Amino acid sequence: MVRTSCSGRDIANVLQNHGFRRAGRTGHHLKLRYERPETDEVRIVTIPMKTEDDIPTGMMRSIANQCGANDFHAWCQWIDDNR
């Protein structure tokens, strides 16, 4: 079964290792930006960074949607494989 929760720090590290760049921080939320060169598509992803605790599944789904993931469970597996 795919793990559907992890910490904001884990998610941020994986995304930054795959082309997302820091776009700012507001309180306990980190904003990451991804620009796809071939299509000029820009994605802004907001990740809660308040604690080391796991992010709830609903919030994980929101982050996956912001990343452009079509399959939530495959995205969770990708995050888990790249931690």
Protein backbone atom coordinates (compact mmCIF):
# COMPACT_ATOMS: atom_id res chain seq x y z
CA MET A 1 0.00 0.00 0.00
CA VAL A 2 1.24 3.46 -0.87
CA ARG A 3 2.03 5.80 1.99
CA THR A 4 -0.24 8.87 1.60
CA SER A 5 1.34 11.18 4.15
CA CYS A 6 4.79 12.56 4.90
CA SER A 7 6.32 15.74 6.30
CA GLY A 8 6.39 19.05 4.48
CA ARG A 9 10.18 18.99 4.71
CA ASP A 10 10.30 15.65 2.86
CA ILE A 11 8.01 16.93 0.09
CA ALA A 12 9.95 20.20 -0.26
CA ASN A 13 13.28 18.38 -0.49
CA VAL A 14 12.05 15.99 -3.20
CA LEU A 15 10.48 18.78 -5.25
CA GLN A 16 13.58 20.97 -4.98
CA ASN A 17 15.72 18.04 -6.12
CA HIS A 18 13.50 17.80 -9.22
CA GLY A 19 13.54 21.38 -10.47
CA PHE A 20 11.28 23.34 -8.12
CA ARG A 21 12.89 26.53 -6.76
CA ARG A 22 12.10 28.54 -3.65
CA ALA A 23 9.69 31.36 -4.42
CA GLY A 24 9.23 32.66 -0.89
CA ARG A 25 7.91 31.89 2.52
CA THR A 26 4.83 33.14 4.33
CA GLY A 27 4.72 32.21 7.99
CA HIS A 28 5.05 28.45 8.17
CA HIS A 29 4.36 27.90 4.46
CA LEU A 30 7.07 27.47 1.84
CA LYS A 31 6.28 28.41 -1.75
CA LEU A 32 8.05 26.59 -4.55
CA ARG A 33 7.97 27.51 -8.23
CA TYR A 34 8.45 25.26 -11.26
CA GLU A 35 8.84 26.55 -14.81
CA ARG A 36 8.57 24.00 -17.59
CA PRO A 37 10.86 25.30 -20.37
CA GLU A 38 9.23 23.51 -23.29
CA THR A 39 5.71 24.86 -22.60
CA ASP A 40 6.35 27.96 -20.43
CA GLU A 41 3.98 26.44 -17.86
CA VAL A 42 4.52 27.81 -14.34
CA ARG A 43 3.39 26.02 -11.19
CA ILE A 44 3.40 27.48 -7.68
CA VAL A 45 3.19 24.94 -4.85
CA THR A 46 2.56 25.88 -1.22
CA ILE A 47 3.78 23.45 1.43
CA PRO A 48 3.13 23.73 5.20
CA MET A 49 6.41 23.52 7.12
CA LYS A 50 5.24 24.14 10.71
CA THR A 51 6.15 20.80 12.26
CA GLU A 52 7.93 17.56 11.50
CA ASP A 53 4.55 15.79 11.67
CA ASP A 54 3.03 14.17 8.61
CA ILE A 55 0.75 16.30 6.47
CA PRO A 56 -2.84 14.98 6.37
CA THR A 57 -3.98 13.16 3.24
CA GLY A 58 -6.32 15.95 2.12
CA MET A 59 -3.49 18.49 2.21
CA MET A 60 -1.25 16.01 0.36
CA ARG A 61 -3.89 15.76 -2.37
CA SER A 62 -3.92 19.55 -2.67
CA ILE A 63 -0.11 19.66 -2.99
CA ALA A 64 -0.20 16.88 -5.61
CA ASN A 65 -2.82 18.84 -7.59
CA GLN A 66 -0.68 21.99 -7.39
CA CYS A 67 2.23 19.95 -8.79
CA GLY A 68 0.05 18.81 -11.69
CA ALA A 69 -0.14 15.15 -10.68
CA ASN A 70 -2.84 13.13 -12.44
CA ASP A 71 -2.57 10.11 -10.13
CA PHE A 72 -2.38 10.88 -6.41
CA HIS A 73 -1.13 7.43 -5.37
CA ALA A 74 1.57 7.40 -8.06
CA TRP A 75 2.67 10.88 -6.91
CA CYS A 76 2.85 9.68 -3.27
CA GLN A 77 4.91 6.69 -4.39
CA TRP A 78 7.24 9.02 -6.33
CA ILE A 79 7.71 11.24 -3.25
CA ASP A 80 8.36 8.19 -1.07
CA ASP A 81 10.86 6.70 -3.57
CA ASN A 82 12.80 9.97 -3.81
CA ARG A 83 13.05 10.85 -0.10
